[in-house]
Structure formats: C-alpha cells, structure tokens
Amino acid sequence: YGEKWFLEEVYDELLTWNRWWMKNRDNQGYLAWGSYCIRNGKERNEGIFNAKLESGIDNSPMYDDVPMNPEKHVMELADVGLMSMYIMDCKTLAKIAKELDRKDDMKELTQRAKAYSKKLATLWDEETGIFLNKRLDTGEFSHSISPTNFYPMLAEECTKKQVDRMIKEHYYNPDEFYGEYIMPSIARNCKGFEDNSYWRGRIWGPLNFLVYLGMQNYDIKETRQDLIEHSRNLLLQNWRKNGCIYENYNSVTGAGDDVHNADGFYHWGALLTFIEFMEEGYLSGKQ
C-alpha cells in the first residue's frame, strides 16, 4: 500500500536477521543450513537432524548422507535454495533501505548480494543444465534435485539461456518434475521419491509457489500458466472429492488423503491456487 511507516517499523529487525545468516551460516563463501544454540549457558551443536529441520524440508533426500562441519555448525553443502532466497532478501532489503534513505545499508546489502551471487553462479552445472547443490567437503555436485534448484530465478540470477535449459530439460522432463501432478519435492528419478513421505516425493504448495515467483521474473508466461493449471487442478481434485486442502499431495495419484502426515485443512495448501490470483493481477492493482 505504499505505507512507509510500516517499512520503518520492521526494517531494523529484518536487517539484523539478514546479517545473522552471513555471520552464522557461511561455509567457504557459500550459505549452508546449520544448527547451533546455547542452552543453560553451555554451547551445544544440535547436529545434522536439526540442520535439516532448519531448511524447512526436513527429510529431503538432498540432505541424505551430508555431514556437518562441527566447527562451523553447518552442513557441508552449499545450498542453492538457501543462497537464492538470501540473495533475494538482500536485494529486497536494499530497495527498502533506499526508500528509507539508509544509504550505507543499501550499499552493504547490494555488495552482499553481489558476493553471494558470484558464488551461486559457480553452482551452475553446464552438463546437467541446472544449478546444483555442492558438497563442500568433497567438492562434488549433488544430483539430487528438487524445486529449490529452480530458486536462482527468485534471485534473478539466471541468464535467459540458463532459464530455457532448466525449463526445457528439467521442469518439462517427465522423469523429473513433469506429469499430471507437479511439482514433486524431489525429482521422480531421484532416490527417495518412492518413499512418498513428506519431502520425499510429495507435492507441497509452498514449493510450487516459490518456483512460480521465480518464473515471474522471466518471460516464460506459457510455463507459468502450465504450473498454475496443474496446481489448480490438483487442489480442486481433492476439494471436490472431500472438501479438503491438504498439507501435501501424492505426486503420482494426486491424493492428499493417502498418508497420515498430510493435514486435511492446511493454510499453505491454498498457495496452489493463490498463484493464479497473482498472475491475473489481483495483488498489483490491475484488477
């Protein structure tokens, strides 16, 4: 709504949070998920399980067999999704800093975005045609890919050629993400997809939503419409069947009620249809 008072109210806390990631989750110039806390005055490394929880995609096969760095309290994995969201955060806060005439902050945030963008660029794998997570203990790329590997579009750090390859070779690839029901939380041909449990193969509204936001930054309207249509159909199939909007969905059958750990009345399931309102301009004053 253009209310500057709101920016002034939240800005300092957002900047503090932005700086925290650089100080606490940097590993060799990349960002990695981690876990560290102090309880009862004693330092305690919470380990790989809680680092996975910090990612929000707790049991994703992307994090299988990834070790922790015990000194830095982070995974030994440069994470494409985390870095992309962080770069987007830096860029957005820089815009807010400009609006609030915080020139030094704007410079700081812009420089930080550029630094991590350079590191993100090194995660592009020309052979595979997508950005890949990278093991920082071995230097090897991880070929377990999920919708988070599309997040560099969120950060607007993809060339047109890179976007074209990611969409053609991965989004529309039926062995990976394409099908009647999309997008699975891990590629269909990756180990763990068949588990059909939480982030091991099921479809989640927030993942579709964030990939859609990235697609908005590029001239790929046909693909956005495709994602919108598939997402809408998935939600409506279950709504018409039993009046439920699920936490997550089966990527093969589209069912939300086939497992015990998919809540039937979950707020973020609605993101599957919210993206259509965004595409139609209802949040931008066009309608």
Protein backbone atom coordinates (compact mmCIF):
# COMPACT_ATOMS: atom_id res chain seq x y z
CA TYR A 1 0.00 0.00 0.00
CA GLY A 2 2.99 2.31 -0.08
CA GLU A 3 2.89 2.97 3.68
CA LYS A 4 6.44 4.00 4.63
CA TRP A 5 5.73 3.78 8.37
CA PHE A 6 5.44 0.00 8.03
CA LEU A 7 8.89 -0.25 6.46
CA GLU A 8 10.30 1.87 9.27
CA GLU A 9 8.63 -0.38 11.83
CA VAL A 10 10.13 -3.66 10.59
CA TYR A 11 13.35 -2.65 8.83
CA ASP A 12 15.89 -2.86 11.68
CA GLU A 13 14.78 -6.34 12.68
CA LEU A 14 14.88 -7.54 9.07
CA LEU A 15 18.38 -6.14 8.63
CA THR A 16 19.56 -7.83 11.84
CA TRP A 17 18.16 -11.14 10.58
CA ASN A 18 19.81 -10.67 7.20
CA ARG A 19 23.21 -10.07 8.82
CA TRP A 20 22.78 -13.13 11.05
CA TRP A 21 22.89 -15.54 8.12
CA MET A 22 26.16 -14.17 6.80
CA LYS A 23 27.76 -14.44 10.25
CA ASN A 24 26.39 -17.83 11.25
CA ARG A 25 25.72 -19.88 8.12
CA ASP A 26 28.61 -19.07 5.79
CA ASN A 27 30.78 -22.00 4.72
CA GLN A 28 33.62 -21.21 2.30
CA GLY A 29 31.71 -18.23 0.95
CA TYR A 30 28.53 -20.25 0.38
CA LEU A 31 25.47 -20.49 2.62
CA ALA A 32 24.56 -23.78 4.25
CA TRP A 33 21.84 -24.89 6.66
CA GLY A 34 23.01 -25.47 10.21
CA SER A 35 22.15 -25.82 13.87
CA TYR A 36 23.75 -24.23 16.88
CA CYS A 37 22.45 -22.98 20.16
CA ILE A 38 23.35 -22.30 23.77
CA ARG A 39 21.32 -23.99 26.48
CA ASN A 40 21.77 -23.30 30.18
CA GLY A 41 24.91 -21.34 29.37
CA LYS A 42 26.53 -24.29 27.58
CA GLU A 43 27.39 -24.39 23.88
CA ARG A 44 25.72 -27.24 22.08
CA ASN A 45 25.90 -28.41 18.48
CA GLU A 46 22.46 -29.63 17.57
CA GLY A 47 23.71 -31.81 14.72
CA ILE A 48 22.56 -32.78 11.26
CA PHE A 49 18.94 -33.59 12.18
CA ASN A 50 18.18 -30.07 13.38
CA ALA A 51 20.11 -28.58 10.46
CA LYS A 52 17.68 -30.41 8.20
CA LEU A 53 14.80 -29.01 10.22
CA GLU A 54 16.19 -25.50 9.73
CA SER A 55 15.88 -26.00 5.97
CA GLY A 56 12.13 -26.44 6.31
CA ILE A 57 12.27 -29.50 4.05
CA ASP A 58 13.20 -31.79 6.87
CA ASN A 59 13.67 -35.24 5.36
CA SER A 60 14.59 -34.25 1.81
CA PRO A 61 16.85 -36.77 0.04
CA MET A 62 19.03 -33.79 -0.89
CA TYR A 63 20.43 -33.96 2.64
CA ASP A 64 20.91 -37.72 2.92
CA ASP A 65 24.47 -38.61 3.92
CA VAL A 66 25.59 -34.96 4.13
CA PRO A 67 27.90 -34.43 7.13
CA MET A 68 28.07 -31.47 9.50
CA ASN A 69 31.05 -29.20 9.90
CA PRO A 70 31.48 -29.43 13.68
CA GLU A 71 33.42 -26.17 13.95
CA LYS A 72 31.07 -24.01 11.88
CA HIS A 73 27.90 -25.88 12.94
CA VAL A 74 26.65 -26.06 9.34
CA MET A 75 26.15 -28.74 6.72
CA GLU A 76 28.99 -29.41 4.32
CA LEU A 77 26.65 -28.49 1.48
CA ALA A 78 26.36 -25.25 -0.48
CA ASP A 79 22.60 -24.95 -0.79
CA VAL A 80 21.17 -23.44 -4.00
CA GLY A 81 17.76 -22.76 -2.47
CA LEU A 82 19.08 -21.04 0.64
CA MET A 83 21.55 -18.91 -1.29
CA SER A 84 18.90 -17.85 -3.80
CA MET A 85 16.41 -16.83 -1.13
CA TYR A 86 19.14 -14.95 0.72
CA ILE A 87 20.22 -13.03 -2.39
CA MET A 88 16.59 -12.11 -3.00
CA ASP A 89 16.38 -10.97 0.63
CA CYS A 90 19.48 -8.76 0.23
CA LYS A 91 18.14 -7.19 -2.94
CA THR A 92 14.70 -6.53 -1.46
CA LEU A 93 16.12 -5.03 1.74
CA ALA A 94 18.38 -2.82 -0.38
CA LYS A 95 15.25 -1.42 -2.05
CA ILE A 96 13.70 -0.79 1.35
CA ALA A 97 16.92 0.88 2.56
CA LYS A 98 16.78 3.18 -0.44
CA GLU A 99 13.18 4.08 0.32
CA LEU A 100 14.16 4.90 3.90
CA ASP A 101 17.28 6.81 2.81
CA ARG A 102 19.59 4.34 4.58
CA LYS A 103 22.38 4.76 2.05
CA ASP A 104 25.10 2.90 3.94
CA ASP A 105 22.80 -0.08 4.48
CA MET A 106 21.80 -0.07 0.84
CA LYS A 107 25.47 -0.23 -0.18
CA GLU A 108 26.16 -3.02 2.33
CA LEU A 109 23.20 -5.10 1.16
CA THR A 110 23.95 -4.60 -2.53
CA GLN A 111 27.56 -5.66 -2.04
CA ARG A 112 26.47 -8.74 -0.08
CA ALA A 113 24.01 -9.71 -2.80
CA LYS A 114 26.75 -9.42 -5.41
CA ALA A 115 29.18 -11.50 -3.37
CA TYR A 116 26.79 -14.40 -2.90
CA SER A 117 25.57 -14.11 -6.49
CA LYS A 118 29.12 -14.76 -7.65
CA LYS A 119 29.26 -17.90 -5.52
CA LEU A 120 25.81 -19.00 -6.70
CA ALA A 121 27.00 -18.72 -10.30
CA THR A 122 29.64 -21.38 -9.58
CA LEU A 123 26.86 -23.84 -8.74
CA TRP A 124 25.60 -23.86 -12.33
CA ASP A 125 26.41 -27.22 -13.93
CA GLU A 126 26.67 -26.85 -17.68
CA GLU A 127 26.45 -30.57 -18.28
CA THR A 128 23.26 -31.00 -16.26
CA GLY A 129 21.69 -27.68 -17.22
CA ILE A 130 20.64 -26.59 -13.76
CA PHE A 131 22.09 -25.14 -10.55
CA LEU A 132 23.22 -27.93 -8.23
CA ASN A 133 23.97 -28.16 -4.52
CA LYS A 134 27.66 -28.79 -3.87
CA ARG A 135 29.36 -30.87 -1.22
CA LEU A 136 31.92 -28.61 0.42
CA ASP A 137 33.90 -31.47 1.95
CA THR A 138 34.46 -33.26 -1.38
CA GLY A 139 33.81 -30.54 -3.97
CA GLU A 140 31.29 -32.77 -5.79
CA PHE A 141 27.96 -31.63 -7.15
CA SER A 142 24.82 -33.28 -5.74
CA HIS A 143 22.45 -34.60 -8.39
CA SER A 144 19.52 -35.00 -6.01
CA ILE A 145 17.43 -32.12 -7.29
CA SER A 146 14.23 -30.56 -6.03
CA PRO A 147 12.16 -27.46 -6.84
CA THR A 148 14.67 -25.48 -4.76
CA ASN A 149 17.18 -25.92 -7.58
CA PHE A 150 14.96 -23.57 -9.61
CA TYR A 151 15.21 -20.82 -6.95
CA PRO A 152 18.01 -18.87 -8.69
CA MET A 153 15.11 -17.47 -10.74
CA LEU A 154 13.84 -15.97 -7.46
CA ALA A 155 17.13 -14.16 -7.08
CA GLU A 156 17.04 -13.05 -10.74
CA GLU A 157 20.49 -14.56 -11.18
CA CYS A 158 19.84 -16.68 -14.28
CA THR A 159 20.64 -15.91 -17.88
CA LYS A 160 17.92 -16.48 -20.46
CA LYS A 161 19.84 -19.49 -21.72
CA GLN A 162 20.01 -20.98 -18.24
CA VAL A 163 16.28 -20.45 -17.68
CA ASP A 164 15.47 -22.04 -21.03
CA ARG A 165 17.55 -25.10 -20.18
CA MET A 166 16.11 -25.50 -16.68
CA ILE A 167 12.56 -25.28 -18.00
CA LYS A 168 13.05 -27.50 -21.04
CA GLU A 169 15.38 -30.11 -19.58
CA HIS A 170 14.03 -30.31 -16.03
CA TYR A 171 10.62 -28.70 -15.48
CA TYR A 172 9.11 -30.37 -18.57
CA ASN A 173 11.06 -33.59 -18.01
CA PRO A 174 8.60 -36.39 -17.07
CA ASP A 175 11.44 -38.34 -15.45
CA GLU A 176 11.98 -35.46 -13.05
CA PHE A 177 9.22 -32.92 -12.38
CA TYR A 178 6.60 -33.04 -15.11
CA GLY A 179 3.43 -35.09 -15.15
CA GLU A 180 -0.25 -34.87 -14.36
CA TYR A 181 0.67 -33.76 -10.84
CA ILE A 182 3.52 -31.31 -10.23
CA MET A 183 5.97 -30.37 -8.75
CA PRO A 184 7.26 -33.29 -6.65
CA SER A 185 9.52 -32.25 -3.79
CA ILE A 186 12.32 -34.39 -5.19
CA ALA A 187 12.80 -35.40 -8.84
CA ARG A 188 10.95 -38.58 -9.78
CA ASN A 189 14.18 -40.31 -10.78
CA CYS A 190 15.96 -39.50 -7.51
CA LYS A 191 16.42 -41.90 -4.65
CA GLY A 192 13.80 -41.28 -2.01
CA PHE A 193 10.97 -40.23 -4.35
CA GLU A 194 9.32 -43.61 -3.99
CA ASP A 195 9.05 -43.12 -0.21
CA ASN A 196 6.08 -40.76 -0.73
CA SER A 197 6.58 -39.28 2.71
CA TYR A 198 6.73 -35.56 3.43
CA TRP A 199 9.57 -34.05 1.40
CA ARG A 200 10.47 -37.37 -0.17
CA GLY A 201 8.39 -37.12 -3.31
CA ARG A 202 5.18 -35.38 -2.30
CA ILE A 203 3.89 -32.07 -3.71
CA TRP A 204 3.83 -29.02 -1.45
CA GLY A 205 2.07 -25.71 -2.13
CA PRO A 206 5.00 -23.55 -0.91
CA LEU A 207 7.41 -25.15 -3.38
CA ASN A 208 5.11 -24.53 -6.34
CA PHE A 209 4.56 -21.01 -5.04
CA LEU A 210 8.26 -20.13 -4.79
CA VAL A 211 9.05 -21.61 -8.20
CA TYR A 212 6.18 -19.55 -9.62
CA LEU A 213 7.57 -16.36 -8.03
CA GLY A 214 10.88 -17.09 -9.74
CA MET A 215 9.15 -17.67 -13.06
CA GLN A 216 7.54 -14.24 -12.73
CA ASN A 217 10.96 -12.68 -13.21
CA TYR A 218 11.30 -14.09 -16.73
CA ASP A 219 9.39 -14.04 -19.99
CA ILE A 220 8.03 -17.58 -19.70
CA LYS A 221 4.30 -16.92 -19.41
CA GLU A 222 3.35 -20.22 -21.05
CA THR A 223 5.26 -22.16 -18.40
CA ARG A 224 3.76 -20.08 -15.59
CA GLN A 225 0.31 -20.84 -16.95
CA ASP A 226 1.18 -24.52 -17.09
CA LEU A 227 2.25 -24.54 -13.44
CA ILE A 228 -0.88 -22.58 -12.47
CA GLU A 229 -3.19 -25.01 -14.28
CA HIS A 230 -1.60 -28.11 -12.80
CA SER A 231 -1.59 -26.61 -9.31
CA ARG A 232 -5.23 -25.54 -9.54
CA ASN A 233 -6.34 -28.93 -10.82
CA LEU A 234 -4.54 -30.71 -8.01
CA LEU A 235 -6.21 -28.65 -5.32
CA LEU A 236 -9.67 -28.83 -6.89
CA GLN A 237 -9.47 -32.59 -7.42
CA ASN A 238 -9.21 -33.06 -3.67
CA TRP A 239 -11.58 -30.24 -2.75
CA ARG A 240 -14.34 -31.67 -4.93
CA LYS A 241 -13.73 -35.16 -3.59
CA ASN A 242 -13.72 -34.48 0.14
CA GLY A 243 -13.64 -30.73 0.81
CA CYS A 244 -10.02 -30.77 1.95
CA ILE A 245 -7.00 -28.61 1.17
CA TYR A 246 -4.01 -30.72 2.10
CA GLU A 247 -0.62 -30.00 3.56
CA ASN A 248 0.95 -32.14 0.81
CA TYR A 249 -0.10 -34.42 -2.04
CA ASN A 250 0.89 -37.67 -3.75
CA SER A 251 2.87 -36.88 -6.92
CA VAL A 252 1.62 -39.99 -8.73
CA THR A 253 -2.09 -40.11 -7.84
CA GLY A 254 -2.70 -36.53 -6.69
CA ALA A 255 -4.32 -37.79 -3.49
CA GLY A 256 -3.89 -35.88 -0.27
CA ASP A 257 -5.53 -38.44 1.99
CA ASP A 258 -3.31 -41.42 1.21
CA VAL A 259 -0.90 -40.84 4.11
CA HIS A 260 -1.33 -39.95 7.77
CA ASN A 261 1.04 -36.95 7.71
CA ALA A 262 -0.86 -34.70 5.30
CA ASP A 263 -3.18 -32.46 7.28
CA GLY A 264 -6.51 -32.01 5.50
CA PHE A 265 -7.04 -28.37 6.42
CA TYR A 266 -3.71 -26.67 5.96
CA HIS A 267 -3.23 -22.99 5.19
CA TRP A 268 -0.36 -23.22 2.70
CA GLY A 269 -2.16 -25.75 0.53
CA ALA A 270 -4.11 -22.75 -0.77
CA LEU A 271 -0.93 -21.41 -2.39
CA LEU A 272 -1.66 -23.88 -5.19
CA THR A 273 -4.47 -21.60 -6.36
CA PHE A 274 -3.23 -18.30 -4.90
CA ILE A 275 -0.65 -18.10 -7.71
CA GLU A 276 -3.46 -17.73 -10.25
CA PHE A 277 -4.73 -14.64 -8.45
CA MET A 278 -1.22 -13.24 -8.62
CA GLU A 279 -0.91 -14.00 -12.33
CA GLU A 280 -4.24 -12.27 -13.00
CA GLY A 281 -3.02 -9.12 -11.28
CA TYR A 282 -5.25 -9.09 -8.21
CA LEU A 283 -2.29 -8.17 -5.97
CA SER A 284 -0.92 -5.43 -8.19
CA GLY A 285 -3.97 -3.23 -8.64
CA LYS A 286 -4.51 -4.39 -12.22
CA GLN A 287 -7.89 -5.86 -11.39
